[in-house]
Amino acid sequence: RREQRRSGRKPGKQPGGQGFALRRTEAPDRVVDHVPAACEGCGAGLAGAKDAGILARQITDIPATSASTTEHRLHRLRCSCGHVSTATAPAGVDRPVQYGPNLRALVCYLVVFQHIPVERAQTLICDLTGTRPSTGWISSVIGQVADLLQGSTQSVKDQLKAGPVLHCDETGLNIAGVSWWLHVACTQKLTAYHLHRSRGRVAVDEFDVLPGYHGTVVHDGLSVYDGPKYATARHAWCGAHLTRELHAAKENVPGQDWPAAALQAYHALNNAAHHARDHDAAIDPGELDTLTVNFTQAVLVGLAQNPRRPGREQSKTRNLLERLHTHHDRVLLFSQDLNVPFTNNQAERDVRPAKTQIKISGSHRSETGAKAWLTIRGHISTLRKHQHNVLDGLRDAILGNPWQPATGH
């Protein structure tokens, strides 16, 4: 394994980073005045003493939490005609006894967003609120809220299909001892998940985001994304994946210089793209041509120094070189169109919560539970990308008014 480079940074907060220190507020919610009873010097009383100023000290805290029960009495009145009319219950009040939207939103927040196992979430809620919900009820809430988010989830998928740039990725999951695949389609503002037993095109077709897509899709170069239903899109390959493969080739063929030359030109193109975006301009045509030729020449040298072997099976280095040569346009699309990112990091960040869930809470026990968890997680991801409060967003969904991103996001 290639040794990880040391950044040289010290542990802790970095210079220039955002600070979160507690600061004094000019509008406290409550003011309590404390007046000295006697002089600290001579002991005399201070009635009628002159005001010499105030020393203010603030404390920020949360109130002790305890669940409260509200009884809604639906009065029934009999008309002179004999008909009995019953008052309409408020939204969300549809059972004789039930937990309210705030508590159900807290359940989703803890189990889905904070990755807390169901039993520990039950203990936390009990200690925090004094209520004693069952683990079965907590699990049922996840499914109920996921059902309420179906319309919002479809809206996100529709907007993903209409966007100019789309990130796609997939990762393996274990559900009740069986291997599944999690597929993600996302942007900087939207996230959608799809769970399927297959990693292949059957799953991508069922996800129904990439088929017929006309923008640019960024992915890791997996052959799954080369299906005929996805030919309407431009394809860009993740530069981080290719960089790792070039580093591996550099170690596999230590006597050859082309991997270092390809990496140098590749990274220079990425730096030029960043610089152009920062200045709201295009890459200088002369610089772009020079760096592109340097990269292409390095690949051609590599092909010459690593000829094909007899038979179908080739070395990893040869396969990499052929992909770089054959799909030259996909590899360097980020430098031709500055709206296309260099990496597929957005998709990799969005699949990470599913892995975090497994590390903290373990594998899902059923397909139904896993799909419900992912539906809520996708909604939470989209909420956070728009800088909305997660608890408020979950509460709105439970009350029947799930938030949806505006068209064009």
Protein backbone atom coordinates (compact mmCIF):
# COMPACT_ATOMS: atom_id res chain seq x y z
CA ARG A 1 0.00 0.00 0.00
CA ARG A 2 1.20 3.46 -0.84
CA GLU A 3 2.19 5.30 2.32
CA GLN A 4 -0.21 8.13 3.13
CA ARG A 5 1.34 11.56 2.84
CA ARG A 6 1.57 13.62 6.02
CA SER A 7 -0.24 16.92 5.81
CA GLY A 8 2.01 18.63 8.36
CA ARG A 9 -1.00 20.12 10.14
CA LYS A 10 -1.31 20.05 13.90
CA PRO A 11 -4.32 18.32 15.49
CA GLY A 12 -7.38 20.43 16.36
CA LYS A 13 -8.90 23.52 14.83
CA GLN A 14 -6.92 24.91 11.90
CA PRO A 15 -6.01 28.60 11.52
CA GLY A 16 -8.74 30.46 9.68
CA GLY A 17 -11.35 27.78 10.33
CA GLN A 18 -14.89 28.63 11.35
CA GLY A 19 -15.27 29.15 15.08
CA PHE A 20 -18.21 28.14 17.26
CA ALA A 21 -17.31 29.83 20.55
CA LEU A 22 -20.21 30.76 22.85
CA ARG A 23 -20.76 34.50 22.62
CA ARG A 24 -22.82 36.98 24.58
CA THR A 25 -26.22 37.87 23.15
CA GLU A 26 -27.72 41.34 23.28
CA ALA A 27 -31.27 39.94 23.54
CA PRO A 28 -31.44 37.37 26.37
CA ASP A 29 -34.70 35.47 26.80
CA ARG A 30 -34.81 36.16 30.54
CA VAL A 31 -33.14 38.72 32.80
CA VAL A 32 -32.67 38.19 36.54
CA ASP A 33 -31.44 41.15 38.63
CA HIS A 34 -29.27 40.55 41.69
CA VAL A 35 -28.80 43.51 44.09
CA PRO A 36 -26.26 43.46 46.98
CA ALA A 37 -27.96 43.54 50.40
CA ALA A 38 -25.19 45.42 52.22
CA CYS A 39 -21.90 47.23 51.58
CA GLU A 40 -18.97 44.84 51.26
CA GLY A 41 -16.73 47.52 52.78
CA CYS A 42 -18.45 48.90 55.89
CA GLY A 43 -21.47 46.64 56.10
CA ALA A 44 -24.00 49.48 55.87
CA GLY A 45 -27.31 49.05 54.10
CA LEU A 46 -27.52 50.13 50.45
CA ALA A 47 -31.07 51.45 50.32
CA GLY A 48 -31.00 54.59 48.18
CA ALA A 49 -27.38 53.99 47.09
CA LYS A 50 -26.24 55.36 43.73
CA ASP A 51 -26.18 53.01 40.72
CA ALA A 52 -22.56 52.19 39.79
CA GLY A 53 -23.26 49.96 36.79
CA ILE A 54 -24.01 46.30 36.07
CA LEU A 55 -21.77 43.27 35.66
CA ALA A 56 -23.66 40.92 33.30
CA ARG A 57 -23.12 37.18 33.20
CA GLN A 58 -25.07 34.96 30.82
CA ILE A 59 -25.81 31.23 30.97
CA THR A 60 -27.24 29.33 28.01
CA ASP A 61 -29.05 26.11 28.89
CA ILE A 62 -32.02 23.98 27.88
CA PRO A 63 -35.07 23.45 30.09
CA ALA A 64 -35.61 20.10 31.74
CA THR A 65 -37.68 18.12 29.22
CA SER A 66 -40.83 16.23 30.11
CA ALA A 67 -43.51 14.99 27.73
CA SER A 68 -46.97 16.48 28.23
CA THR A 69 -50.30 14.95 27.29
CA THR A 70 -52.97 16.97 25.49
CA GLU A 71 -56.52 15.63 25.38
CA HIS A 72 -58.60 16.67 22.39
CA ARG A 73 -62.28 16.44 23.24
CA LEU A 74 -64.38 16.26 20.10
CA HIS A 75 -67.77 17.51 21.15
CA ARG A 76 -70.88 16.03 19.59
CA LEU A 77 -74.00 18.11 19.21
CA ARG A 78 -77.48 16.95 18.26
CA CYS A 79 -79.42 19.20 15.91
CA SER A 80 -83.17 19.72 16.18
CA CYS A 81 -83.44 17.58 13.05
CA GLY A 82 -81.98 14.72 15.01
CA HIS A 83 -78.59 14.55 13.30
CA VAL A 84 -75.50 14.40 15.55
CA SER A 85 -72.47 16.43 14.38
CA THR A 86 -68.97 15.72 15.72
CA ALA A 87 -66.18 18.31 15.83
CA THR A 88 -63.28 17.74 13.43
CA ALA A 89 -60.03 16.57 15.01
CA PRO A 90 -56.86 18.58 14.33
CA ALA A 91 -54.42 17.28 11.71
CA GLY A 92 -52.51 14.28 12.95
CA VAL A 93 -54.95 13.50 15.79
CA ASP A 94 -56.57 10.34 14.45
CA ARG A 95 -56.38 7.77 17.26
CA PRO A 96 -57.75 7.52 20.80
CA VAL A 97 -54.19 7.49 22.21
CA GLN A 98 -50.99 8.24 20.30
CA TYR A 99 -47.58 9.87 20.43
CA GLY A 100 -47.32 13.28 18.82
CA PRO A 101 -45.33 14.56 15.81
CA ASN A 102 -42.46 15.99 17.87
CA LEU A 103 -41.74 12.65 19.50
CA ARG A 104 -42.01 10.79 16.21
CA ALA A 105 -39.69 13.31 14.54
CA LEU A 106 -37.20 12.78 17.37
CA VAL A 107 -37.34 9.02 16.78
CA CYS A 108 -36.45 9.43 13.08
CA TYR A 109 -33.75 11.95 13.93
CA LEU A 110 -32.05 9.60 16.40
CA VAL A 111 -32.37 6.33 14.48
CA VAL A 112 -31.82 7.55 10.92
CA PHE A 113 -29.74 10.71 11.17
CA GLN A 114 -27.67 10.00 14.30
CA HIS A 115 -27.39 6.22 13.66
CA ILE A 116 -28.51 5.34 17.21
CA PRO A 117 -29.71 1.73 17.57
CA VAL A 118 -33.41 1.32 18.30
CA GLU A 119 -32.96 0.06 21.87
CA ARG A 120 -30.59 2.88 22.76
CA ALA A 121 -32.96 5.39 21.16
CA GLN A 122 -35.73 3.99 23.36
CA THR A 123 -33.58 4.47 26.48
CA LEU A 124 -32.62 8.02 25.46
CA ILE A 125 -36.24 9.01 24.82
CA CYS A 126 -37.30 7.50 28.14
CA ASP A 127 -34.62 9.39 30.07
CA LEU A 128 -35.20 12.60 28.16
CA THR A 129 -38.99 12.79 28.09
CA GLY A 130 -40.31 10.35 30.67
CA THR A 131 -42.26 8.41 28.01
CA ARG A 132 -41.73 4.69 27.47
CA PRO A 133 -42.27 3.85 23.79
CA SER A 134 -41.66 0.28 22.73
CA THR A 135 -38.92 -0.69 20.32
CA GLY A 136 -41.62 -2.04 18.02
CA TRP A 137 -43.33 1.36 17.94
CA ILE A 138 -40.03 3.08 17.17
CA SER A 139 -39.45 0.73 14.24
CA SER A 140 -43.00 1.28 12.98
CA VAL A 141 -42.50 5.06 12.98
CA ILE A 142 -39.62 4.71 10.52
CA GLY A 143 -41.87 2.87 8.07
CA GLN A 144 -44.76 5.30 8.51
CA VAL A 145 -42.62 8.37 7.89
CA ALA A 146 -40.99 6.72 4.85
CA ASP A 147 -44.47 6.20 3.37
CA LEU A 148 -45.25 9.89 3.89
CA LEU A 149 -42.10 10.83 1.96
CA GLN A 150 -42.85 8.90 -1.25
CA GLY A 151 -44.08 11.98 -3.10
CA SER A 152 -41.12 14.09 -2.01
CA THR A 153 -38.70 11.31 -3.00
CA GLN A 154 -40.23 11.08 -6.48
CA SER A 155 -39.97 14.86 -6.84
CA VAL A 156 -36.25 14.68 -6.03
CA LYS A 157 -35.73 11.93 -8.62
CA ASP A 158 -37.58 13.97 -11.25
CA GLN A 159 -35.33 16.95 -10.56
CA LEU A 160 -32.22 14.77 -10.71
CA LYS A 161 -33.25 13.58 -14.17
CA ALA A 162 -33.68 17.19 -15.31
CA GLY A 163 -30.39 18.50 -13.91
CA PRO A 164 -27.26 19.30 -15.95
CA VAL A 165 -24.81 17.19 -13.89
CA LEU A 166 -25.54 13.95 -12.02
CA HIS A 167 -23.36 11.84 -9.72
CA CYS A 168 -23.92 8.06 -9.51
CA ASP A 169 -22.30 5.38 -7.38
CA GLU A 170 -23.05 2.03 -5.76
CA THR A 171 -21.85 0.10 -2.73
CA GLY A 172 -22.53 -3.27 -1.16
CA LEU A 173 -24.69 -3.73 1.94
CA ASN A 174 -25.51 -6.72 4.11
CA ILE A 175 -29.17 -7.09 5.02
CA ALA A 176 -30.16 -10.02 7.23
CA GLY A 177 -27.07 -11.91 6.07
CA VAL A 178 -27.80 -11.37 2.37
CA SER A 179 -25.77 -9.19 0.00
CA TRP A 180 -27.57 -6.16 -1.47
CA TRP A 181 -26.46 -3.14 -3.46
CA LEU A 182 -27.17 0.48 -2.59
CA HIS A 183 -27.35 2.84 -5.59
CA VAL A 184 -27.21 6.60 -5.20
CA ALA A 185 -27.97 9.44 -7.61
CA CYS A 186 -27.21 12.91 -6.32
CA THR A 187 -26.07 16.48 -6.83
CA GLN A 188 -24.87 19.16 -4.45
CA LYS A 189 -28.53 19.84 -3.57
CA LEU A 190 -30.36 16.51 -4.04
CA THR A 191 -30.01 12.90 -2.89
CA ALA A 192 -31.92 9.75 -3.86
CA TYR A 193 -31.21 6.12 -2.91
CA HIS A 194 -32.26 2.81 -4.38
CA LEU A 195 -31.76 -0.66 -2.86
CA HIS A 196 -31.55 -3.72 -5.09
CA ARG A 197 -30.15 -7.25 -5.06
CA SER A 198 -28.27 -6.46 -8.27
CA ARG A 199 -25.37 -4.13 -8.97
CA GLY A 200 -26.08 -4.15 -12.68
CA ARG A 201 -28.29 -2.42 -15.20
CA VAL A 202 -31.48 -4.04 -13.92
CA ALA A 203 -31.06 -2.05 -10.71
CA VAL A 204 -30.07 1.16 -12.53
CA ASP A 205 -33.10 0.85 -14.81
CA GLU A 206 -35.41 0.25 -11.85
CA PHE A 207 -33.96 3.25 -10.05
CA ASP A 208 -35.21 5.21 -13.10
CA VAL A 209 -32.92 8.22 -12.89
CA LEU A 210 -30.21 7.50 -15.47
CA PRO A 211 -32.30 5.98 -18.32
CA GLY A 212 -33.05 8.77 -20.78
CA TYR A 213 -30.93 11.29 -18.89
CA HIS A 214 -29.56 14.05 -21.16
CA GLY A 215 -27.03 15.78 -18.89
CA THR A 216 -23.56 14.73 -17.75
CA VAL A 217 -23.26 11.77 -15.40
CA VAL A 218 -20.12 11.43 -13.28
CA HIS A 219 -19.22 7.92 -12.12
CA ASP A 220 -16.31 5.56 -11.48
CA GLY A 221 -16.21 4.11 -14.99
CA LEU A 222 -18.03 0.89 -14.09
CA SER A 223 -19.27 -0.88 -17.23
CA VAL A 224 -22.79 -0.91 -15.77
CA TYR A 225 -23.16 2.73 -16.80
CA ASP A 226 -22.41 1.99 -20.46
CA GLY A 227 -25.85 0.54 -21.19
CA PRO A 228 -27.73 1.63 -24.34
CA LYS A 229 -30.45 3.28 -22.22
CA TYR A 230 -27.82 5.67 -20.85
CA ALA A 231 -26.32 6.69 -24.19
CA THR A 232 -28.30 9.95 -24.17
CA ALA A 233 -25.99 11.26 -21.40
CA ARG A 234 -22.41 12.44 -21.52
CA HIS A 235 -20.19 10.37 -19.25
CA ALA A 236 -17.34 11.69 -17.10
CA TRP A 237 -15.05 9.40 -15.15
CA CYS A 238 -13.98 10.13 -11.60
CA GLY A 239 -10.46 11.59 -11.51
CA ALA A 240 -9.82 10.33 -7.98
CA HIS A 241 -10.32 6.72 -9.09
CA LEU A 242 -8.06 7.17 -12.10
CA THR A 243 -5.41 8.87 -9.99
CA ARG A 244 -5.31 5.88 -7.64
CA GLU A 245 -5.00 3.53 -10.61
CA LEU A 246 -2.14 5.58 -12.08
CA HIS A 247 -0.32 5.48 -8.75
CA ALA A 248 -0.79 1.69 -8.68
CA ALA A 249 0.59 1.46 -12.23
CA LYS A 250 3.57 3.55 -11.15
CA GLU A 251 4.36 0.93 -8.51
CA ASN A 252 3.70 -2.02 -10.83
CA VAL A 253 6.08 -0.75 -13.55
CA PRO A 254 8.80 1.03 -11.53
CA GLY A 255 11.16 1.36 -14.47
CA GLN A 256 8.71 3.28 -16.64
CA ASP A 257 8.23 7.06 -16.55
CA TRP A 258 4.85 7.41 -18.26
CA PRO A 259 2.71 7.04 -15.06
CA ALA A 260 4.45 10.02 -13.42
CA ALA A 261 4.14 12.06 -16.62
CA ALA A 262 0.44 11.21 -16.94
CA LEU A 263 -0.20 12.12 -13.29
CA GLN A 264 1.67 15.40 -13.65
CA ALA A 265 -0.36 16.44 -16.71
CA TYR A 266 -3.63 15.16 -15.17
CA HIS A 267 -3.17 17.11 -11.95
CA ALA A 268 -2.05 20.19 -13.86
CA LEU A 269 -5.29 20.06 -15.87
CA ASN A 270 -7.28 19.81 -12.63
CA ASN A 271 -5.41 22.80 -11.14
CA ALA A 272 -6.01 24.79 -14.32
CA ALA A 273 -9.73 23.96 -14.16
CA HIS A 274 -9.91 25.10 -10.53
CA HIS A 275 -8.10 28.32 -11.35
CA ALA A 276 -10.42 29.02 -14.28
CA ARG A 277 -13.54 28.44 -12.16
CA ASP A 278 -12.22 30.73 -9.43
CA HIS A 279 -11.81 33.49 -12.00
CA ASP A 280 -15.06 32.72 -13.86
CA ALA A 281 -13.17 32.01 -17.06
CA ALA A 282 -12.12 29.13 -19.29
CA ILE A 283 -8.75 27.40 -19.25
CA ASP A 284 -6.26 29.19 -21.47
CA PRO A 285 -6.48 27.37 -24.85
CA GLY A 286 -2.72 27.13 -25.22
CA GLU A 287 -2.30 25.67 -21.72
CA LEU A 288 -5.20 23.29 -22.29
CA ASP A 289 -3.75 21.99 -25.55
CA THR A 290 -0.27 21.54 -24.09
CA LEU A 291 -1.44 19.64 -21.01
CA THR A 292 -3.86 17.51 -23.01
CA VAL A 293 -1.10 16.55 -25.45
CA ASN A 294 1.23 15.74 -22.53
CA PHE A 295 -1.36 13.43 -21.00
CA THR A 296 -2.14 11.77 -24.33
CA GLN A 297 1.54 11.24 -25.12
CA ALA A 298 2.14 9.66 -21.70
CA VAL A 299 -0.69 7.18 -22.34
CA LEU A 300 0.66 6.36 -25.82
CA VAL A 301 4.13 5.73 -24.39
CA GLY A 302 2.57 3.45 -21.79
CA LEU A 303 0.75 1.48 -24.48
CA ALA A 304 3.99 1.04 -26.39
CA GLN A 305 5.88 -0.11 -23.30
CA ASN A 306 3.10 -2.48 -22.21
CA PRO A 307 1.97 -4.37 -25.33
CA ARG A 308 -0.99 -6.72 -25.29
CA ARG A 309 -0.45 -10.28 -24.19
CA PRO A 310 -1.72 -13.25 -26.19
CA GLY A 311 -5.28 -14.09 -25.20
CA ARG A 312 -8.04 -12.04 -23.62
CA GLU A 313 -6.62 -11.60 -20.10
CA GLN A 314 -4.40 -8.53 -19.83
CA SER A 315 -2.50 -6.92 -16.99
CA LYS A 316 -4.18 -4.23 -14.87
CA THR A 317 -1.74 -1.70 -16.27
CA ARG A 318 -2.60 -2.58 -19.87
CA ASN A 319 -6.33 -2.47 -19.13
CA LEU A 320 -5.94 0.96 -17.53
CA LEU A 321 -3.99 2.29 -20.50
CA GLU A 322 -6.57 1.00 -22.99
CA ARG A 323 -9.40 2.61 -21.03
CA LEU A 324 -7.53 5.92 -20.82
CA HIS A 325 -6.88 5.83 -24.57
CA THR A 326 -10.29 4.58 -25.72
CA HIS A 327 -12.32 6.83 -23.43
CA HIS A 328 -10.08 9.89 -23.66
CA ASP A 329 -13.12 12.18 -23.84
CA ARG A 330 -14.59 10.85 -20.59
CA VAL A 331 -11.31 11.03 -18.72
CA LEU A 332 -10.67 14.69 -19.62
CA LEU A 333 -14.23 16.01 -19.85
CA PHE A 334 -13.73 18.04 -16.66
CA SER A 335 -11.15 20.19 -18.49
CA GLN A 336 -13.38 20.71 -21.53
CA ASP A 337 -16.51 21.61 -19.57
CA LEU A 338 -15.86 23.39 -16.28
CA ASN A 339 -19.36 22.52 -15.04
CA VAL A 340 -18.17 18.92 -14.76
CA PRO A 341 -16.29 18.14 -11.51
CA PHE A 342 -12.97 16.30 -11.44
CA THR A 343 -14.13 13.63 -8.97
CA ASN A 344 -17.23 11.69 -8.00
CA ASN A 345 -16.75 12.63 -4.34
CA GLN A 346 -20.32 13.92 -4.05
CA ALA A 347 -21.73 10.43 -4.61
CA GLU A 348 -19.16 8.81 -2.32
CA ARG A 349 -20.05 11.24 0.47
CA ASP A 350 -23.73 10.44 0.02
CA VAL A 351 -23.28 6.64 0.29
CA ARG A 352 -21.12 6.97 3.40
CA PRO A 353 -24.05 7.26 5.90
CA ALA A 354 -25.20 3.75 4.95
CA LYS A 355 -21.77 2.40 5.88
CA THR A 356 -21.73 4.46 9.08
CA GLN A 357 -25.10 2.96 10.04
CA ILE A 358 -23.68 -0.55 9.73
CA LYS A 359 -20.61 0.29 11.82
CA ILE A 360 -22.65 1.85 14.64
CA SER A 361 -26.00 0.06 14.64
CA GLY A 362 -25.28 -3.09 12.66
CA SER A 363 -26.96 -4.43 9.53
CA HIS A 364 -30.62 -3.91 8.77
CA ARG A 365 -32.77 -6.92 9.58
CA SER A 366 -35.16 -6.70 6.66
CA GLU A 367 -35.46 -5.31 3.16
CA THR A 368 -38.51 -3.27 4.20
CA GLY A 369 -36.71 -1.68 7.13
CA ALA A 370 -33.64 -0.89 5.07
CA LYS A 371 -35.67 0.76 2.29
CA ALA A 372 -37.62 2.85 4.81
CA TRP A 373 -34.38 3.95 6.50
CA LEU A 374 -32.88 4.95 3.15
CA THR A 375 -35.99 6.90 2.10
CA ILE A 376 -35.80 9.03 5.24
CA ARG A 377 -32.02 9.34 4.97
CA GLY A 378 -32.31 10.64 1.41
CA HIS A 379 -34.85 13.24 2.55
CA ILE A 380 -32.59 14.28 5.44
CA SER A 381 -29.62 14.58 3.08
CA THR A 382 -31.58 16.85 0.76
CA LEU A 383 -32.82 18.93 3.71
CA ARG A 384 -29.27 19.47 4.94
CA LYS A 385 -28.00 20.34 1.48
CA HIS A 386 -30.54 23.17 1.50
CA GLN A 387 -29.52 24.11 5.08
CA HIS A 388 -32.93 23.27 6.56
CA ASN A 389 -33.40 22.07 10.14
CA VAL A 390 -33.73 18.28 10.12
CA LEU A 391 -36.18 18.02 13.04
CA ASP A 392 -38.44 20.67 11.50
CA GLY A 393 -38.35 18.87 8.16
CA LEU A 394 -39.25 15.52 9.72
CA ARG A 395 -42.06 17.12 11.73
CA ASP A 396 -43.49 18.71 8.59
CA ALA A 397 -43.50 15.33 6.85
CA ILE A 398 -45.27 13.68 9.79
CA LEU A 399 -47.91 16.44 9.74
CA GLY A 400 -48.55 15.67 6.07
CA ASN A 401 -46.66 18.59 4.55
CA PRO A 402 -43.23 17.23 3.56
CA TRP A 403 -40.78 19.81 2.26
CA GLN A 404 -39.79 19.56 -1.39
CA PRO A 405 -36.96 21.42 -3.11
CA ALA A 406 -37.96 24.05 -5.61
CA THR A 407 -37.68 23.06 -9.26
CA GLY A 408 -34.24 23.78 -10.66
CA HIS A 409 -32.29 22.76 -7.56
